[in-house]
Amino acid sequence: MSDFSLSSLEAIVAERATASPENSWTAKLVAHGQAKAAKKLGEEAVETVIAAISNDRANLVAESADLLYHLMVVLKIADVPLQDVMSELERRTSQSGLQEKASR
């Protein structure tokens, strides 16, 4: 089993964000700013939904990977560490999803 994790992806995105935009898709997204990166994240989210609705397992896996990658880029640009997101998920799992939703 691989040791690759979302934390691994976060580190790779951080490293590639500092590369030349001519050599790195990540750097190119970062250079174009949050609006471009967020738009790409939205496109990947839609493609993930379509794959899920189509019961296309292979495409769902591929699109989910794209979605997670683009989310990491958006978080990087916003200077939001993955740990902040994980802490929020941990906080939310201390109660049922219905209770958590009602508290918003």
C-alpha atoms as a PDB file:
ATOM      1  CA  MET A   1       0.000   0.000   0.000  1.00  0.00           C
ATOM      2  CA  SER A   2       1.226   3.479  -0.864  1.00  0.00           C
ATOM      3  CA  ASP A   3       2.035   6.140   1.694  1.00  0.00           C
ATOM      4  CA  PHE A   4       0.658   8.807  -0.649  1.00  0.00           C
ATOM      5  CA  SER A   5      -1.906  11.027   1.077  1.00  0.00           C
ATOM      6  CA  LEU A   6      -3.636  14.356   0.734  1.00  0.00           C
ATOM      7  CA  SER A   7      -0.780  15.747   2.811  1.00  0.00           C
ATOM      8  CA  SER A   8       1.619  14.406   0.177  1.00  0.00           C
ATOM      9  CA  LEU A   9      -0.413  16.124  -2.524  1.00  0.00           C
ATOM     10  CA  GLU A  10      -0.432  19.359  -0.522  1.00  0.00           C
ATOM     11  CA  ALA A  11       3.386  19.273  -0.340  1.00  0.00           C
ATOM     12  CA  ILE A  12       3.708  18.597  -4.078  1.00  0.00           C
ATOM     13  CA  VAL A  13       1.331  21.469  -4.905  1.00  0.00           C
ATOM     14  CA  ALA A  14       3.311  23.803  -2.624  1.00  0.00           C
ATOM     15  CA  GLU A  15       6.577  22.827  -4.310  1.00  0.00           C
ATOM     16  CA  ARG A  16       5.252  23.095  -7.850  1.00  0.00           C
ATOM     17  CA  ALA A  17       3.544  26.412  -7.127  1.00  0.00           C
ATOM     18  CA  THR A  18       6.998  27.981  -6.965  1.00  0.00           C
ATOM     19  CA  ALA A  19       8.106  26.603 -10.347  1.00  0.00           C
ATOM     20  CA  SER A  20       8.019  28.486 -13.622  1.00  0.00           C
ATOM     21  CA  PRO A  21       4.517  28.695 -15.119  1.00  0.00           C
ATOM     22  CA  GLU A  22       6.045  27.555 -18.407  1.00  0.00           C
ATOM     23  CA  ASN A  23       7.071  24.276 -16.760  1.00  0.00           C
ATOM     24  CA  SER A  24       4.255  23.545 -14.311  1.00  0.00           C
ATOM     25  CA  TRP A  25       0.470  23.441 -14.589  1.00  0.00           C
ATOM     26  CA  THR A  26       0.285  24.132 -10.857  1.00  0.00           C
ATOM     27  CA  ALA A  27       2.477  27.230 -11.193  1.00  0.00           C
ATOM     28  CA  LYS A  28       0.404  28.371 -14.166  1.00  0.00           C
ATOM     29  CA  LEU A  29      -2.834  28.086 -12.163  1.00  0.00           C
ATOM     30  CA  VAL A  30      -1.268  29.935  -9.227  1.00  0.00           C
ATOM     31  CA  ALA A  31       0.029  32.674 -11.537  1.00  0.00           C
ATOM     32  CA  HIS A  32      -3.439  33.171 -13.023  1.00  0.00           C
ATOM     33  CA  GLY A  33      -4.906  33.634  -9.549  1.00  0.00           C
ATOM     34  CA  GLN A  34      -7.745  32.365  -7.444  1.00  0.00           C
ATOM     35  CA  ALA A  35     -10.542  33.102  -9.930  1.00  0.00           C
ATOM     36  CA  LYS A  36      -8.976  30.873 -12.608  1.00  0.00           C
ATOM     37  CA  ALA A  37      -8.114  28.111 -10.126  1.00  0.00           C
ATOM     38  CA  ALA A  38     -11.582  28.210  -8.560  1.00  0.00           C
ATOM     39  CA  LYS A  39     -13.216  28.073 -11.997  1.00  0.00           C
ATOM     40  CA  LYS A  40     -11.146  25.001 -12.815  1.00  0.00           C
ATOM     41  CA  LEU A  41     -12.140  23.454  -9.474  1.00  0.00           C
ATOM     42  CA  GLY A  42     -15.797  24.031 -10.370  1.00  0.00           C
ATOM     43  CA  GLU A  43     -15.344  22.406 -13.782  1.00  0.00           C
ATOM     44  CA  GLU A  44     -13.765  19.370 -12.156  1.00  0.00           C
ATOM     45  CA  ALA A  45     -16.594  19.178  -9.618  1.00  0.00           C
ATOM     46  CA  VAL A  46     -19.170  19.111 -12.421  1.00  0.00           C
ATOM     47  CA  GLU A  47     -17.198  16.425 -14.280  1.00  0.00           C
ATOM     48  CA  THR A  48     -17.029  14.373 -11.080  1.00  0.00           C
ATOM     49  CA  VAL A  49     -20.796  14.630 -10.633  1.00  0.00           C
ATOM     50  CA  ILE A  50     -21.396  13.568 -14.232  1.00  0.00           C
ATOM     51  CA  ALA A  51     -19.130  10.550 -13.779  1.00  0.00           C
ATOM     52  CA  ALA A  52     -20.962   9.601 -10.584  1.00  0.00           C
ATOM     53  CA  ILE A  53     -24.404   9.923 -12.158  1.00  0.00           C
ATOM     54  CA  SER A  54     -23.225   7.909 -15.177  1.00  0.00           C
ATOM     55  CA  ASN A  55     -22.003   5.095 -12.914  1.00  0.00           C
ATOM     56  CA  ASP A  56     -18.665   5.370 -14.704  1.00  0.00           C
ATOM     57  CA  ARG A  57     -16.314   4.077 -12.023  1.00  0.00           C
ATOM     58  CA  ALA A  58     -13.046   4.598 -13.898  1.00  0.00           C
ATOM     59  CA  ASN A  59     -13.975   8.141 -14.874  1.00  0.00           C
ATOM     60  CA  LEU A  60     -15.226   8.846 -11.347  1.00  0.00           C
ATOM     61  CA  VAL A  61     -11.821   7.852  -9.983  1.00  0.00           C
ATOM     62  CA  ALA A  62     -10.001  10.028 -12.530  1.00  0.00           C
ATOM     63  CA  GLU A  63     -12.270  13.035 -12.074  1.00  0.00           C
ATOM     64  CA  SER A  64     -12.105  12.717  -8.277  1.00  0.00           C
ATOM     65  CA  ALA A  65      -8.320  12.870  -8.509  1.00  0.00           C
ATOM     66  CA  ASP A  66      -8.596  16.014 -10.656  1.00  0.00           C
ATOM     67  CA  LEU A  67     -11.063  17.493  -8.172  1.00  0.00           C
ATOM     68  CA  LEU A  68      -8.825  16.873  -5.161  1.00  0.00           C
ATOM     69  CA  TYR A  69      -5.788  18.246  -6.971  1.00  0.00           C
ATOM     70  CA  HIS A  70      -7.576  21.449  -7.986  1.00  0.00           C
ATOM     71  CA  LEU A  71      -8.972  21.840  -4.459  1.00  0.00           C
ATOM     72  CA  MET A  72      -5.394  21.693  -3.147  1.00  0.00           C
ATOM     73  CA  VAL A  73      -4.377  24.423  -5.593  1.00  0.00           C
ATOM     74  CA  VAL A  74      -7.284  26.633  -4.487  1.00  0.00           C
ATOM     75  CA  LEU A  75      -6.380  26.065  -0.837  1.00  0.00           C
ATOM     76  CA  LYS A  76      -2.722  26.879  -1.592  1.00  0.00           C
ATOM     77  CA  ILE A  77      -3.604  30.163  -3.279  1.00  0.00           C
ATOM     78  CA  ALA A  78      -5.863  31.059  -0.340  1.00  0.00           C
ATOM     79  CA  ASP A  79      -3.098  30.105   2.120  1.00  0.00           C
ATOM     80  CA  VAL A  80      -5.427  27.622   3.829  1.00  0.00           C
ATOM     81  CA  PRO A  81      -3.498  24.612   5.147  1.00  0.00           C
ATOM     82  CA  LEU A  82      -5.047  21.193   4.610  1.00  0.00           C
ATOM     83  CA  GLN A  83      -4.850  20.719   8.373  1.00  0.00           C
ATOM     84  CA  ASP A  84      -7.430  23.494   8.822  1.00  0.00           C
ATOM     85  CA  VAL A  85      -9.848  21.584   6.596  1.00  0.00           C
ATOM     86  CA  MET A  86      -9.105  18.315   8.381  1.00  0.00           C
ATOM     87  CA  SER A  87      -9.658  19.969  11.769  1.00  0.00           C
ATOM     88  CA  GLU A  88     -13.024  21.242  10.582  1.00  0.00           C
ATOM     89  CA  LEU A  89     -13.978  17.763   9.375  1.00  0.00           C
ATOM     90  CA  GLU A  90     -12.907  16.314  12.711  1.00  0.00           C
ATOM     91  CA  ARG A  91     -14.992  18.906  14.547  1.00  0.00           C
ATOM     92  CA  ARG A  92     -18.017  18.084  12.429  1.00  0.00           C
ATOM     93  CA  THR A  93     -17.727  14.342  12.962  1.00  0.00           C
ATOM     94  CA  SER A  94     -18.098  14.813  16.710  1.00  0.00           C
ATOM     95  CA  GLN A  95     -21.853  15.027  16.070  1.00  0.00           C
ATOM     96  CA  SER A  96     -24.255  13.593  13.545  1.00  0.00           C
ATOM     97  CA  GLY A  97     -24.425  15.191  10.132  1.00  0.00           C
ATOM     98  CA  LEU A  98     -28.029  16.213  10.738  1.00  0.00           C
ATOM     99  CA  GLN A  99     -27.096  17.947  14.014  1.00  0.00           C
ATOM    100  CA  GLU A 100     -24.147  19.673  12.363  1.00  0.00           C
ATOM    101  CA  LYS A 101     -26.261  20.910   9.457  1.00  0.00           C
ATOM    102  CA  ALA A 102     -28.958  22.204  11.805  1.00  0.00           C
ATOM    103  CA  SER A 103     -26.355  24.219  13.730  1.00  0.00           C
ATOM    104  CA  ARG A 104     -25.337  26.237  10.662  1.00  0.00           C
END
